[in-house]
PDB file of N, CA and C in Angstrom:
ATOM      1  N   GLY A   1      68.701  62.584 102.743  1.00  0.00           N
ATOM      2  CA  GLY A   1      69.233  61.293 102.368  1.00  0.00           C
ATOM      3  C   GLY A   1      70.637  61.412 101.822  1.00  0.00           C
ATOM      4  N   LYS A   2      71.231  60.268 101.647  1.00  0.00           N
ATOM      5  CA  LYS A   2      72.593  60.204 101.123  1.00  0.00           C
ATOM      6  C   LYS A   2      72.551  60.231  99.601  1.00  0.00           C
ATOM      7  N   LYS A   3      73.463  60.976  99.008  1.00  0.00           N
ATOM      8  CA  LYS A   3      73.525  61.082  97.556  1.00  0.00           C
ATOM      9  C   LYS A   3      74.207  59.854  96.974  1.00  0.00           C
ATOM     10  N   SER A   4      73.807  59.504  95.754  1.00  0.00           N
ATOM     11  CA  SER A   4      74.443  58.375  95.075  1.00  0.00           C
ATOM     12  C   SER A   4      75.838  58.787  94.625  1.00  0.00           C
ATOM     13  N   LEU A   5      76.641  57.811  94.288  1.00  0.00           N
ATOM     14  CA  LEU A   5      78.011  58.068  93.828  1.00  0.00           C
ATOM     15  C   LEU A   5      77.995  58.922  92.569  1.00  0.00           C
ATOM     16  N   ARG A   6      77.082  58.629  91.672  1.00  0.00           N
ATOM     17  CA  ARG A   6      76.977  59.402  90.430  1.00  0.00           C
ATOM     18  C   ARG A   6      76.664  60.863  90.725  1.00  0.00           C
ATOM     19  N   GLN A   7      75.742  61.109  91.643  1.00  0.00           N
ATOM     20  CA  GLN A   7      75.361  62.483  91.982  1.00  0.00           C
ATOM     21  C   GLN A   7      76.509  63.224  92.661  1.00  0.00           C
ATOM     22  N   ARG A   8      77.268  62.538  93.511  1.00  0.00           N
ATOM     23  CA  ARG A   8      78.420  63.178  94.157  1.00  0.00           C
ATOM     24  C   ARG A   8      79.495  63.545  93.134  1.00  0.00           C
ATOM     25  N   VAL A   9      79.727  62.656  92.146  1.00  0.00           N
ATOM     26  CA  VAL A   9      80.710  62.943  91.097  1.00  0.00           C
ATOM     27  C   VAL A   9      80.250  64.137  90.266  1.00  0.00           C
ATOM     28  N   VAL A  10      78.971  64.171  89.911  1.00  0.00           N
ATOM     29  CA  VAL A  10      78.428  65.285  89.134  1.00  0.00           C
ATOM     30  C   VAL A  10      78.554  66.586  89.928  1.00  0.00           C
ATOM     31  N   ASP A  11      78.262  66.544  91.216  1.00  0.00           N
ATOM     32  CA  ASP A  11      78.388  67.744  92.055  1.00  0.00           C
ATOM     33  C   ASP A  11      79.834  68.237  92.122  1.00  0.00           C
ATOM     34  N   GLU A  12      80.788  67.314  92.241  1.00  0.00           N
ATOM     35  CA  GLU A  12      82.203  67.699  92.277  1.00  0.00           C
ATOM     36  C   GLU A  12      82.632  68.312  90.949  1.00  0.00           C
ATOM     37  N   LEU A  13      82.203  67.727  89.843  1.00  0.00           N
ATOM     38  CA  LEU A  13      82.547  68.279  88.530  1.00  0.00           C
ATOM     39  C   LEU A  13      81.961  69.667  88.350  1.00  0.00           C
ATOM     40  N   LYS A  14      80.738  69.878  88.812  1.00  0.00           N
ATOM     41  CA  LYS A  14      80.130  71.213  88.750  1.00  0.00           C
ATOM     42  C   LYS A  14      80.912  72.203  89.599  1.00  0.00           C
ATOM     43  N   HIS A  15      81.344  71.742  90.778  1.00  0.00           N
ATOM     44  CA  HIS A  15      82.123  72.604  91.673  1.00  0.00           C
ATOM     45  C   HIS A  15      83.420  73.046  90.995  1.00  0.00           C
ATOM     46  N   TYR A  16      84.134  72.103  90.371  1.00  0.00           N
ATOM     47  CA  TYR A  16      85.379  72.442  89.670  1.00  0.00           C
ATOM     48  C   TYR A  16      85.105  73.351  88.482  1.00  0.00           C
ATOM     49  N   TYR A  17      84.035  73.082  87.742  1.00  0.00           N
ATOM     50  CA  TYR A  17      83.694  73.920  86.595  1.00  0.00           C
ATOM     51  C   TYR A  17      83.435  75.360  87.041  1.00  0.00           C
ATOM     52  N   HIS A  18      82.617  75.526  88.074  1.00  0.00           N
ATOM     53  CA  HIS A  18      82.306  76.875  88.554  1.00  0.00           C
ATOM     54  C   HIS A  18      83.547  77.569  89.109  1.00  0.00           C
ATOM     55  N   GLY A  19      84.403  76.813  89.806  1.00  0.00           N
ATOM     56  CA  GLY A  19      85.638  77.400  90.334  1.00  0.00           C
ATOM     57  C   GLY A  19      86.555  77.898  89.231  1.00  0.00           C
ATOM     58  N   PHE A  20      86.753  77.081  88.189  1.00  0.00           N
ATOM     59  CA  PHE A  20      87.593  77.507  87.070  1.00  0.00           C
ATOM     60  C   PHE A  20      86.962  78.662  86.310  1.00  0.00           C
ATOM     61  N   HIS A  21      85.650  78.649  86.191  1.00  0.00           N
ATOM     62  CA  HIS A  21      84.966  79.743  85.499  1.00  0.00           C
ATOM     63  C   HIS A  21      85.146  81.059  86.257  1.00  0.00           C
ATOM     64  N   LEU A  22      84.968  81.036  87.572  1.00  0.00           N
ATOM     65  CA  LEU A  22      85.170  82.247  88.373  1.00  0.00           C
ATOM     66  C   LEU A  22      86.618  82.718  88.320  1.00  0.00           C
ATOM     67  N   LEU A  23      87.561  81.775  88.329  1.00  0.00           N
ATOM     68  CA  LEU A  23      88.971  82.149  88.238  1.00  0.00           C
ATOM     69  C   LEU A  23      89.269  82.780  86.885  1.00  0.00           C
ATOM     70  N   TRP A  24      88.665  82.272  85.820  1.00  0.00           N
ATOM     71  CA  TRP A  24      88.855  82.854  84.483  1.00  0.00           C
ATOM     72  C   TRP A  24      88.326  84.292  84.445  1.00  0.00           C
ATOM     73  N   ILE A  25      87.163  84.517  85.034  1.00  0.00           N
ATOM     74  CA  ILE A  25      86.590  85.872  85.069  1.00  0.00           C
ATOM     75  C   ILE A  25      87.497  86.805  85.868  1.00  0.00           C
ATOM     76  N   ASP A  26      87.961  86.349  87.034  1.00  0.00           N
ATOM     77  CA  ASP A  26      88.865  87.166  87.853  1.00  0.00           C
ATOM     78  C   ASP A  26      90.162  87.464  87.110  1.00  0.00           C
ATOM     79  N   THR A  27      90.662  86.502  86.340  1.00  0.00           N
ATOM     80  CA  THR A  27      91.901  86.704  85.592  1.00  0.00           C
ATOM     81  C   THR A  27      91.712  87.748  84.503  1.00  0.00           C
ATOM     82  N   LYS A  28      90.574  87.721  83.823  1.00  0.00           N
ATOM     83  CA  LYS A  28      90.316  88.733  82.792  1.00  0.00           C
ATOM     84  C   LYS A  28      90.230  90.131  83.407  1.00  0.00           C
ATOM     85  N   VAL A  29      89.559  90.235  84.546  1.00  0.00           N
ATOM     86  CA  VAL A  29      89.436  91.541  85.218  1.00  0.00           C
ATOM     87  C   VAL A  29      90.813  92.014  85.691  1.00  0.00           C
ATOM     88  N   ALA A  30      91.618  91.090  86.222  1.00  0.00           N
ATOM     89  CA  ALA A  30      92.959  91.453  86.687  1.00  0.00           C
ATOM     90  C   ALA A  30      93.844  91.892  85.519  1.00  0.00           C
ATOM     91  N   ALA A  31      93.692  91.252  84.366  1.00  0.00           N
ATOM     92  CA  ALA A  31      94.473  91.655  83.194  1.00  0.00           C
ATOM     93  C   ALA A  31      94.121  93.081  82.773  1.00  0.00           C
ATOM     94  N   ARG A  32      92.847  93.418  82.848  1.00  0.00           N
ATOM     95  CA  ARG A  32      92.449  94.801  82.538  1.00  0.00           C
ATOM     96  C   ARG A  32      93.048  95.791  83.544  1.00  0.00           C
ATOM     97  N   MET A  33      93.095  95.384  84.816  1.00  0.00           N
ATOM     98  CA  MET A  33      93.689  96.263  85.833  1.00  0.00           C
ATOM     99  C   MET A  33      95.177  96.458  85.587  1.00  0.00           C
ATOM    100  N   VAL A  34      95.870  95.397  85.217  1.00  0.00           N
ATOM    101  CA  VAL A  34      97.300  95.505  84.912  1.00  0.00           C
ATOM    102  C   VAL A  34      97.502  96.410  83.705  1.00  0.00           C
ATOM    103  N   TRP A  35      96.637  96.297  82.708  1.00  0.00           N
ATOM    104  CA  TRP A  35      96.710  97.156  81.537  1.00  0.00           C
ATOM    105  C   TRP A  35      96.557  98.622  81.937  1.00  0.00           C
ATOM    106  N   ARG A  36      95.599  98.879  82.842  1.00  0.00           N
ATOM    107  CA  ARG A  36      95.412 100.250  83.320  1.00  0.00           C
ATOM    108  C   ARG A  36      96.636 100.738  84.088  1.00  0.00           C
ATOM    109  N   LEU A  37      97.221  99.856  84.902  1.00  0.00           N
ATOM    110  CA  LEU A  37      98.427 100.234  85.649  1.00  0.00           C
ATOM    111  C   LEU A  37      99.573 100.576  84.710  1.00  0.00           C
ATOM    112  N   LEU A  38      99.725  99.784  83.663  1.00  0.00           N
ATOM    113  CA  LEU A  38     100.808 100.022  82.702  1.00  0.00           C
ATOM    114  C   LEU A  38     100.628 101.326  81.939  1.00  0.00           C
ATOM    115  N   HIS A  39      99.397 101.804  81.865  1.00  0.00           N
ATOM    116  CA  HIS A  39      99.133 103.058  81.180  1.00  0.00           C
ATOM    117  C   HIS A  39      99.008 104.242  82.137  1.00  0.00           C
ATOM    118  N   GLY A  40      99.492 104.069  83.362  1.00  0.00           N
ATOM    119  CA  GLY A  40      99.623 105.188  84.284  1.00  0.00           C
ATOM    120  C   GLY A  40      98.429 105.484  85.163  1.00  0.00           C
ATOM    121  N   GLN A  41      97.381 104.681  85.118  1.00  0.00           N
ATOM    122  CA  GLN A  41      96.250 104.936  85.994  1.00  0.00           C
ATOM    123  C   GLN A  41      96.499 104.327  87.370  1.00  0.00           C
ATOM    124  N   VAL A  42      95.815 104.861  88.361  1.00  0.00           N
ATOM    125  CA  VAL A  42      95.955 104.405  89.735  1.00  0.00           C
ATOM    126  C   VAL A  42      94.761 103.532  90.099  1.00  0.00           C
ATOM    127  N   LEU A  43      95.028 102.441  90.788  1.00  0.00           N
ATOM    128  CA  LEU A  43      93.950 101.548  91.218  1.00  0.00           C
ATOM    129  C   LEU A  43      93.431 101.958  92.588  1.00  0.00           C
ATOM    130  N   THR A  44      92.163 101.696  92.830  1.00  0.00           N
ATOM    131  CA  THR A  44      91.606 101.931  94.155  1.00  0.00           C
ATOM    132  C   THR A  44      92.085 100.814  95.085  1.00  0.00           C
ATOM    133  N   ARG A  45      91.866 100.998  96.361  1.00  0.00           N
ATOM    134  CA  ARG A  45      92.274  99.980  97.329  1.00  0.00           C
ATOM    135  C   ARG A  45      91.562  98.659  97.065  1.00  0.00           C
ATOM    136  N   ARG A  46      90.296  98.724  96.728  1.00  0.00           N
ATOM    137  CA  ARG A  46      89.509  97.519  96.429  1.00  0.00           C
ATOM    138  C   ARG A  46      90.047  96.794  95.191  1.00  0.00           C
ATOM    139  N   GLU A  47      90.369  97.556  94.145  1.00  0.00           N
ATOM    140  CA  GLU A  47      90.926  96.956  92.930  1.00  0.00           C
ATOM    141  C   GLU A  47      92.291  96.329  93.196  1.00  0.00           C
ATOM    142  N   ARG A  48      93.090  97.004  93.998  1.00  0.00           N
ATOM    143  CA  ARG A  48      94.426  96.490  94.324  1.00  0.00           C
ATOM    144  C   ARG A  48      94.323  95.173  95.094  1.00  0.00           C
ATOM    145  N   ARG A  49      93.389  95.101  96.054  1.00  0.00           N
ATOM    146  CA  ARG A  49      93.191  93.847  96.804  1.00  0.00           C
ATOM    147  C   ARG A  49      92.701  92.728  95.899  1.00  0.00           C
ATOM    148  N   ARG A  50      91.809  93.058  94.969  1.00  0.00           N
ATOM    149  CA  ARG A  50      91.313  92.039  94.039  1.00  0.00           C
ATOM    150  C   ARG A  50      92.427  91.546  93.120  1.00  0.00           C
ATOM    151  N   LEU A  51      93.275  92.460  92.664  1.00  0.00           N
ATOM    152  CA  LEU A  51      94.405  92.079  91.816  1.00  0.00           C
ATOM    153  C   LEU A  51      95.367  91.167  92.570  1.00  0.00           C
ATOM    154  N   LEU A  52      95.669  91.502  93.814  1.00  0.00           N
ATOM    155  CA  LEU A  52      96.573  90.668  94.621  1.00  0.00           C
ATOM    156  C   LEU A  52      95.957  89.300  94.906  1.00  0.00           C
ATOM    157  N   ARG A  53      94.654  89.263  95.195  1.00  0.00           N
ATOM    158  CA  ARG A  53      93.994  87.986  95.444  1.00  0.00           C
ATOM    159  C   ARG A  53      94.006  87.103  94.209  1.00  0.00           C
ATOM    160  N   THR A  54      93.764  87.706  93.042  1.00  0.00           N
ATOM    161  CA  THR A  54      93.753  86.937  91.801  1.00  0.00           C
ATOM    162  C   THR A  54      95.143  86.408  91.472  1.00  0.00           C
ATOM    163  N   CYS A  55      96.171  87.225  91.680  1.00  0.00           N
ATOM    164  CA  CYS A  55      97.545  86.754  91.448  1.00  0.00           C
ATOM    165  C   CYS A  55      97.896  85.614  92.400  1.00  0.00           C
ATOM    166  N   ALA A  56      97.507  85.745  93.652  1.00  0.00           N
ATOM    167  CA  ALA A  56      97.761  84.674  94.621  1.00  0.00           C
ATOM    168  C   ALA A  56      97.011  83.401  94.226  1.00  0.00           C
ATOM    169  N   ASP A  57      95.775  83.555  93.734  1.00  0.00           N
ATOM    170  CA  ASP A  57      95.000  82.390  93.291  1.00  0.00           C
ATOM    171  C   ASP A  57      95.669  81.688  92.117  1.00  0.00           C
ATOM    172  N   LEU A  58      96.234  82.458  91.203  1.00  0.00           N
ATOM    173  CA  LEU A  58      96.907  81.844  90.061  1.00  0.00           C
ATOM    174  C   LEU A  58      98.144  81.064  90.507  1.00  0.00           C
ATOM    175  N   PHE A  59      98.867  81.565  91.507  1.00  0.00           N
ATOM    176  CA  PHE A  59     100.018  80.819  92.027  1.00  0.00           C
ATOM    177  C   PHE A  59      99.580  79.590  92.819  1.00  0.00           C
ATOM    178  N   ARG A  60      98.435  79.665  93.482  1.00  0.00           N
ATOM    179  CA  ARG A  60      97.917  78.517  94.223  1.00  0.00           C
ATOM    180  C   ARG A  60      97.343  77.456  93.286  1.00  0.00           C
ATOM    181  N   LEU A  61      97.016  77.859  92.080  1.00  0.00           N
ATOM    182  CA  LEU A  61      96.404  76.938  91.123  1.00  0.00           C
ATOM    183  C   LEU A  61      97.357  75.819  90.714  1.00  0.00           C
ATOM    184  N   VAL A  62      98.644  76.084  90.656  1.00  0.00           N
ATOM    185  CA  VAL A  62      99.618  75.086  90.196  1.00  0.00           C
ATOM    186  C   VAL A  62      99.608  73.837  91.088  1.00  0.00           C
ATOM    187  N   PRO A  63      99.785  73.952  92.404  1.00  0.00           N
ATOM    188  CA  PRO A  63      99.718  72.726  93.201  1.00  0.00           C
ATOM    189  C   PRO A  63      98.316  72.114  93.226  1.00  0.00           C
ATOM    190  N   PHE A  64      97.286  72.941  93.110  1.00  0.00           N
ATOM    191  CA  PHE A  64      95.925  72.429  93.107  1.00  0.00           C
ATOM    192  C   PHE A  64      95.665  71.578  91.861  1.00  0.00           C
ATOM    193  N   LEU A  65      96.229  71.967  90.720  1.00  0.00           N
ATOM    194  CA  LEU A  65      96.040  71.205  89.487  1.00  0.00           C
ATOM    195  C   LEU A  65      96.627  69.808  89.585  1.00  0.00           C
ATOM    196  N   VAL A  66      97.676  69.651  90.382  1.00  0.00           N
ATOM    197  CA  VAL A  66      98.251  68.316  90.580  1.00  0.00           C
ATOM    198  C   VAL A  66      97.198  67.392  91.179  1.00  0.00           C
ATOM    199  N   PHE A  67      96.441  67.885  92.123  1.00  0.00           N
ATOM    200  CA  PHE A  67      95.395  67.072  92.761  1.00  0.00           C
ATOM    201  C   PHE A  67      94.259  66.756  91.786  1.00  0.00           C
ATOM    202  N   VAL A  68      93.979  67.672  90.878  1.00  0.00           N
ATOM    203  CA  VAL A  68      92.892  67.458  89.937  1.00  0.00           C
ATOM    204  C   VAL A  68      93.314  66.504  88.815  1.00  0.00           C
ATOM    205  N   ILE A  69      94.558  66.619  88.346  1.00  0.00           N
ATOM    206  CA  ILE A  69      95.013  65.855  87.187  1.00  0.00           C
ATOM    207  C   ILE A  69      95.417  64.427  87.543  1.00  0.00           C
ATOM    208  N   VAL A  70      96.177  64.252  88.624  1.00  0.00           N
ATOM    209  CA  VAL A  70      96.670  62.929  88.983  1.00  0.00           C
ATOM    210  C   VAL A  70      95.517  62.063  89.495  1.00  0.00           C
ATOM    211  N   PRO A  71      95.342  60.868  88.921  1.00  0.00           N
ATOM    212  CA  PRO A  71      94.224  60.015  89.349  1.00  0.00           C
ATOM    213  C   PRO A  71      94.297  59.647  90.837  1.00  0.00           C
ATOM    214  N   PHE A  72      93.179  59.677  91.503  1.00  0.00           N
ATOM    215  CA  PHE A  72      92.997  59.326  92.908  1.00  0.00           C
ATOM    216  C   PHE A  72      93.762  60.231  93.877  1.00  0.00           C
ATOM    217  N   MET A  73      94.387  61.282  93.371  1.00  0.00           N
ATOM    218  CA  MET A  73      95.107  62.214  94.246  1.00  0.00           C
ATOM    219  C   MET A  73      94.126  63.105  95.013  1.00  0.00           C
ATOM    220  N   GLU A  74      92.899  63.254  94.487  1.00  0.00           N
ATOM    221  CA  GLU A  74      91.926  64.124  95.163  1.00  0.00           C
ATOM    222  C   GLU A  74      91.527  63.579  96.524  1.00  0.00           C
ATOM    223  N   PHE A  75      91.795  62.286  96.762  1.00  0.00           N
ATOM    224  CA  PHE A  75      91.505  61.731  98.088  1.00  0.00           C
ATOM    225  C   PHE A  75      92.471  62.273  99.141  1.00  0.00           C
ATOM    226  N   LEU A  76      93.646  62.745  98.708  1.00  0.00           N
ATOM    227  CA  LEU A  76      94.623  63.328  99.635  1.00  0.00           C
ATOM    228  C   LEU A  76      94.420  64.831  99.830  1.00  0.00           C
ATOM    229  N   LEU A  77      93.540  65.426  99.048  1.00  0.00           N
ATOM    230  CA  LEU A  77      93.311  66.870  99.142  1.00  0.00           C
ATOM    231  C   LEU A  77      92.893  67.317 100.544  1.00  0.00           C
ATOM    232  N   PRO A  78      91.974  66.626 101.237  1.00  0.00           N
ATOM    233  CA  PRO A  78      91.631  67.071 102.599  1.00  0.00           C
ATOM    234  C   PRO A  78      92.820  67.044 103.565  1.00  0.00           C
ATOM    235  N   VAL A  79      93.710  66.085 103.390  1.00  0.00           N
ATOM    236  CA  VAL A  79      94.903  66.013 104.249  1.00  0.00           C
ATOM    237  C   VAL A  79      95.794  67.223 104.011  1.00  0.00           C
ATOM    238  N   PHE A  80      96.034  67.546 102.733  1.00  0.00           N
ATOM    239  CA  PHE A  80      96.886  68.693 102.426  1.00  0.00           C
ATOM    240  C   PHE A  80      96.225  70.016 102.812  1.00  0.00           C
ATOM    241  N   LEU A  81      94.898  70.082 102.710  1.00  0.00           N
ATOM    242  CA  LEU A  81      94.214  71.302 103.137  1.00  0.00           C
ATOM    243  C   LEU A  81      94.286  71.483 104.647  1.00  0.00           C
ATOM    244  N   LYS A  82      94.347  70.377 105.375  1.00  0.00           N
ATOM    245  CA  LYS A  82      94.507  70.458 106.829  1.00  0.00           C
ATOM    246  C   LYS A  82      95.907  70.958 107.181  1.00  0.00           C
ATOM    247  N   LEU A  83      96.919  70.494 106.419  1.00  0.00           N
ATOM    248  CA  LEU A  83      98.300  70.916 106.655  1.00  0.00           C
ATOM    249  C   LEU A  83      98.565  72.330 106.142  1.00  0.00           C
ATOM    250  N   PHE A  84      98.007  72.655 104.965  1.00  0.00           N
ATOM    251  CA  PHE A  84      98.209  73.965 104.338  1.00  0.00           C
ATOM    252  C   PHE A  84      96.842  74.585 104.046  1.00  0.00           C
ATOM    253  N   PRO A  85      96.238  75.261 105.023  1.00  0.00           N
ATOM    254  CA  PRO A  85      94.855  75.738 104.872  1.00  0.00           C
ATOM    255  C   PRO A  85      94.639  76.742 103.739  1.00  0.00           C
ATOM    256  N   ASP A  86      95.651  77.518 103.372  1.00  0.00           N
ATOM    257  CA  ASP A  86      95.470  78.537 102.333  1.00  0.00           C
ATOM    258  C   ASP A  86      95.910  78.060 100.961  1.00  0.00           C
ATOM    259  N   MET A  87      96.003  76.746 100.766  1.00  0.00           N
ATOM    260  CA  MET A  87      96.475  76.209  99.493  1.00  0.00           C
ATOM    261  C   MET A  87      95.413  76.311  98.398  1.00  0.00           C
ATOM    262  N   LEU A  88      94.155  76.280  98.752  1.00  0.00           N
ATOM    263  CA  LEU A  88      93.071  76.259  97.779  1.00  0.00           C
ATOM    264  C   LEU A  88      92.816  77.668  97.233  1.00  0.00           C
ATOM    265  N   PRO A  89      92.710  77.824  95.895  1.00  0.00           N
ATOM    266  CA  PRO A  89      92.361  79.142  95.350  1.00  0.00           C
ATOM    267  C   PRO A  89      90.995  79.590  95.879  1.00  0.00           C
ATOM    268  N   SER A  90      90.833  80.879  96.039  1.00  0.00           N
ATOM    269  CA  SER A  90      89.617  81.398  96.670  1.00  0.00           C
ATOM    270  C   SER A  90      88.353  81.095  95.871  1.00  0.00           C
ATOM    271  N   THR A  91      88.464  80.910  94.568  1.00  0.00           N
ATOM    272  CA  THR A  91      87.274  80.650  93.762  1.00  0.00           C
ATOM    273  C   THR A  91      86.772  79.221  93.955  1.00  0.00           C
ATOM    274  N   PHE A  92      87.575  78.344  94.562  1.00  0.00           N
ATOM    275  CA  PHE A  92      87.174  76.958  94.781  1.00  0.00           C
ATOM    276  C   PHE A  92      86.677  76.721  96.196  1.00  0.00           C
ATOM    277  N   GLU A  93      86.684  77.729  97.037  1.00  0.00           N
ATOM    278  CA  GLU A  93      86.218  77.575  98.400  1.00  0.00           C
ATOM    279  C   GLU A  93      84.707  77.722  98.471  1.00  0.00           C
ATOM    280  N   THR A  94      84.093  76.868  99.250  1.00  0.00           N
ATOM    281  CA  THR A  94      82.662  76.994  99.503  1.00  0.00           C
ATOM    282  C   THR A  94      82.485  77.441 100.944  1.00  0.00           C
ATOM    283  N   GLU A  95      81.288  77.802 101.306  1.00  0.00           N
ATOM    284  CA  GLU A  95      81.030  78.253 102.675  1.00  0.00           C
ATOM    285  C   GLU A  95      81.330  77.143 103.670  1.00  0.00           C
ATOM    286  N   SER A  96      81.014  75.901 103.309  1.00  0.00           N
ATOM    287  CA  SER A  96      81.267  74.803 104.234  1.00  0.00           C
ATOM    288  C   SER A  96      82.759  74.516 104.385  1.00  0.00           C
ATOM    289  N   LYS A  97      83.552  74.785 103.335  1.00  0.00           N
ATOM    290  CA  LYS A  97      84.994  74.541 103.418  1.00  0.00           C
ATOM    291  C   LYS A  97      85.729  75.660 104.115  1.00  0.00           C
ATOM    292  N   LYS A  98      85.119  76.858 104.170  1.00  0.00           N
ATOM    293  CA  LYS A  98      85.749  77.971 104.876  1.00  0.00           C
ATOM    294  C   LYS A  98      85.716  77.687 106.356  1.00  0.00           C
TER     295      LYS A  98
END
């Protein structure tokens, strides 16, 4: 069946909450990796890719926040995602959006 408007809003808020939470966790892990780099340790290939992905996500977060903060701007998000497919931070992507 079709979800009510209230349920769709709650689902979207949960999606944003989980996305920001995952981004916060990735940022903390990336900060630890940068700390290790500054103290002369070498990162593995997997750690280096995760650090680069997290940095890219933080840069992608700025234009994404405009859509979240400005009222009714989220209705234009699908249009911008069609024009710029890699604009969304990776922690906000779902399997259906990939």
